[in-house]
Amino acid sequence: GPAEPAFKIEIWGSGDYRDDGTASEHGYGKFTFSDGSSYYEKWSSKVSKGHDVGTAVYFKGTGRFKGMKGESEFDCTLLGDRFICEVEGTIELP
């Protein structure tokens, strides 16, 4: 699809973190766009070798995302208190 203007992501969750650097995580995220439209995601992932790999399901869209359905797979490279993610997924609009 077309490139999106800047958007804000709020992420919260919890996990089972182990001494060897691995983890199982799950939580929620909210994406808010410059036009006020937003949607939520429910995600789960596994952490190993500096990567956080998982899936997300999108729901509760507002504005141009109202009635949306979608999901994605992601692979995030962990960089201390930051991360960079490769995401591939779909959003279906009514």
C-alpha atoms as a PDB file:
ATOM      1  CA  GLY A   1       0.000   0.000   0.000  1.00  0.00           C
ATOM      2  CA  PRO A   2       0.955   3.661   0.014  1.00  0.00           C
ATOM      3  CA  ALA A   3       3.423   5.036   2.541  1.00  0.00           C
ATOM      4  CA  GLU A   4       1.767   6.277   5.737  1.00  0.00           C
ATOM      5  CA  PRO A   5       2.450   9.638   7.367  1.00  0.00           C
ATOM      6  CA  ALA A   6       3.897   9.526  10.854  1.00  0.00           C
ATOM      7  CA  PHE A   7       1.931   7.565  13.437  1.00  0.00           C
ATOM      8  CA  LYS A   8       2.182   6.856  17.152  1.00  0.00           C
ATOM      9  CA  ILE A   9       2.444   3.358  18.629  1.00  0.00           C
ATOM     10  CA  GLU A  10       1.652   2.594  22.270  1.00  0.00           C
ATOM     11  CA  ILE A  11       2.647  -0.935  23.342  1.00  0.00           C
ATOM     12  CA  TRP A  12       2.040  -2.733  26.625  1.00  0.00           C
ATOM     13  CA  GLY A  13       2.407  -6.348  27.670  1.00  0.00           C
ATOM     14  CA  SER A  14       4.154  -8.856  29.865  1.00  0.00           C
ATOM     15  CA  GLY A  15       6.314 -11.904  29.515  1.00  0.00           C
ATOM     16  CA  ASP A  16       8.208 -14.802  30.985  1.00  0.00           C
ATOM     17  CA  TYR A  17      11.874 -13.718  30.825  1.00  0.00           C
ATOM     18  CA  ARG A  18      14.702 -16.206  31.352  1.00  0.00           C
ATOM     19  CA  ASP A  19      18.361 -15.778  32.324  1.00  0.00           C
ATOM     20  CA  ASP A  20      19.521 -17.120  28.942  1.00  0.00           C
ATOM     21  CA  GLY A  21      17.974 -14.114  27.118  1.00  0.00           C
ATOM     22  CA  THR A  22      14.911 -15.943  25.831  1.00  0.00           C
ATOM     23  CA  ALA A  23      11.319 -15.007  26.587  1.00  0.00           C
ATOM     24  CA  SER A  24       7.672 -15.546  25.744  1.00  0.00           C
ATOM     25  CA  GLU A  25       5.721 -12.289  25.535  1.00  0.00           C
ATOM     26  CA  HIS A  26       2.167 -11.122  24.865  1.00  0.00           C
ATOM     27  CA  GLY A  27       0.284  -7.857  24.977  1.00  0.00           C
ATOM     28  CA  TYR A  28      -1.516  -5.115  23.107  1.00  0.00           C
ATOM     29  CA  GLY A  29      -0.649  -2.134  20.945  1.00  0.00           C
ATOM     30  CA  LYS A  30      -2.518   0.938  19.742  1.00  0.00           C
ATOM     31  CA  PHE A  31      -1.660   2.656  16.447  1.00  0.00           C
ATOM     32  CA  THR A  32      -2.861   6.271  16.084  1.00  0.00           C
ATOM     33  CA  PHE A  33      -2.474   8.151  12.787  1.00  0.00           C
ATOM     34  CA  SER A  34      -2.248  11.869  12.025  1.00  0.00           C
ATOM     35  CA  ASP A  35      -5.883  11.961  10.796  1.00  0.00           C
ATOM     36  CA  GLY A  36      -7.100  10.623  14.189  1.00  0.00           C
ATOM     37  CA  SER A  37      -7.839   7.098  12.888  1.00  0.00           C
ATOM     38  CA  SER A  38      -6.568   4.247  15.054  1.00  0.00           C
ATOM     39  CA  TYR A  39      -6.638   0.514  15.630  1.00  0.00           C
ATOM     40  CA  TYR A  40      -5.489  -1.971  18.245  1.00  0.00           C
ATOM     41  CA  GLU A  41      -3.487  -5.164  17.981  1.00  0.00           C
ATOM     42  CA  LYS A  42      -3.164  -8.212  20.214  1.00  0.00           C
ATOM     43  CA  TRP A  43       0.310  -9.734  19.859  1.00  0.00           C
ATOM     44  CA  SER A  44       2.365 -12.676  21.093  1.00  0.00           C
ATOM     45  CA  SER A  45       6.019 -13.464  20.469  1.00  0.00           C
ATOM     46  CA  LYS A  46       9.129 -15.428  21.373  1.00  0.00           C
ATOM     47  CA  VAL A  47      12.494 -13.787  22.076  1.00  0.00           C
ATOM     48  CA  SER A  48      15.766 -15.504  21.189  1.00  0.00           C
ATOM     49  CA  LYS A  49      19.225 -14.404  19.983  1.00  0.00           C
ATOM     50  CA  GLY A  50      18.357 -10.691  19.961  1.00  0.00           C
ATOM     51  CA  HIS A  51      15.147 -11.108  17.957  1.00  0.00           C
ATOM     52  CA  ASP A  52      11.502 -10.880  18.995  1.00  0.00           C
ATOM     53  CA  VAL A  53       9.446 -12.921  16.502  1.00  0.00           C
ATOM     54  CA  GLY A  54       5.666 -13.187  16.629  1.00  0.00           C
ATOM     55  CA  THR A  55       2.200 -12.503  15.315  1.00  0.00           C
ATOM     56  CA  ALA A  56      -0.455  -9.827  15.798  1.00  0.00           C
ATOM     57  CA  VAL A  57      -4.205  -9.656  15.181  1.00  0.00           C
ATOM     58  CA  TYR A  58      -5.754  -6.218  14.503  1.00  0.00           C
ATOM     59  CA  PHE A  59      -9.114  -5.088  15.892  1.00  0.00           C
ATOM     60  CA  LYS A  60     -11.285  -2.156  17.034  1.00  0.00           C
ATOM     61  CA  GLY A  61     -10.473   0.272  14.239  1.00  0.00           C
ATOM     62  CA  THR A  62     -11.765   3.850  14.223  1.00  0.00           C
ATOM     63  CA  GLY A  63     -12.022   6.440  11.442  1.00  0.00           C
ATOM     64  CA  ARG A  64     -10.746   4.997   8.161  1.00  0.00           C
ATOM     65  CA  PHE A  65     -10.018   1.677   9.938  1.00  0.00           C
ATOM     66  CA  LYS A  66     -13.589   1.194  11.262  1.00  0.00           C
ATOM     67  CA  GLY A  67     -14.703  -2.427  10.767  1.00  0.00           C
ATOM     68  CA  MET A  68     -11.220  -3.577   9.789  1.00  0.00           C
ATOM     69  CA  LYS A  69      -9.833  -7.082  10.100  1.00  0.00           C
ATOM     70  CA  GLY A  70      -6.189  -7.993   9.786  1.00  0.00           C
ATOM     71  CA  GLU A  71      -3.119  -9.737  11.058  1.00  0.00           C
ATOM     72  CA  SER A  72       0.639  -9.678  10.674  1.00  0.00           C
ATOM     73  CA  GLU A  73       3.881 -11.476  11.412  1.00  0.00           C
ATOM     74  CA  PHE A  74       6.853  -9.544  12.746  1.00  0.00           C
ATOM     75  CA  ASP A  75      10.570  -9.963  13.392  1.00  0.00           C
ATOM     76  CA  CYS A  76      12.067  -7.260  15.603  1.00  0.00           C
ATOM     77  CA  THR A  77      15.773  -6.713  16.204  1.00  0.00           C
ATOM     78  CA  LEU A  78      16.265  -5.725  19.849  1.00  0.00           C
ATOM     79  CA  LEU A  79      18.522  -2.709  20.489  1.00  0.00           C
ATOM     80  CA  GLY A  80      18.462  -2.152  24.262  1.00  0.00           C
ATOM     81  CA  ASP A  81      15.463   0.077  25.002  1.00  0.00           C
ATOM     82  CA  ARG A  82      14.623   0.355  21.266  1.00  0.00           C
ATOM     83  CA  PHE A  83      13.795  -2.046  18.454  1.00  0.00           C
ATOM     84  CA  ILE A  84      13.480  -2.158  14.675  1.00  0.00           C
ATOM     85  CA  CYS A  85      10.790  -4.391  13.164  1.00  0.00           C
ATOM     86  CA  GLU A  86      10.132  -6.008   9.818  1.00  0.00           C
ATOM     87  CA  VAL A  87       6.345  -6.484   9.566  1.00  0.00           C
ATOM     88  CA  GLU A  88       4.337  -8.265   6.896  1.00  0.00           C
ATOM     89  CA  GLY A  89       0.572  -8.499   7.085  1.00  0.00           C
ATOM     90  CA  THR A  90      -2.804  -7.535   5.743  1.00  0.00           C
ATOM     91  CA  ILE A  91      -5.605  -5.156   6.647  1.00  0.00           C
ATOM     92  CA  GLU A  92      -9.062  -5.770   5.168  1.00  0.00           C
ATOM     93  CA  LEU A  93     -11.560  -2.915   5.176  1.00  0.00           C
ATOM     94  CA  PRO A  94     -15.343  -3.323   4.780  1.00  0.00           C
END
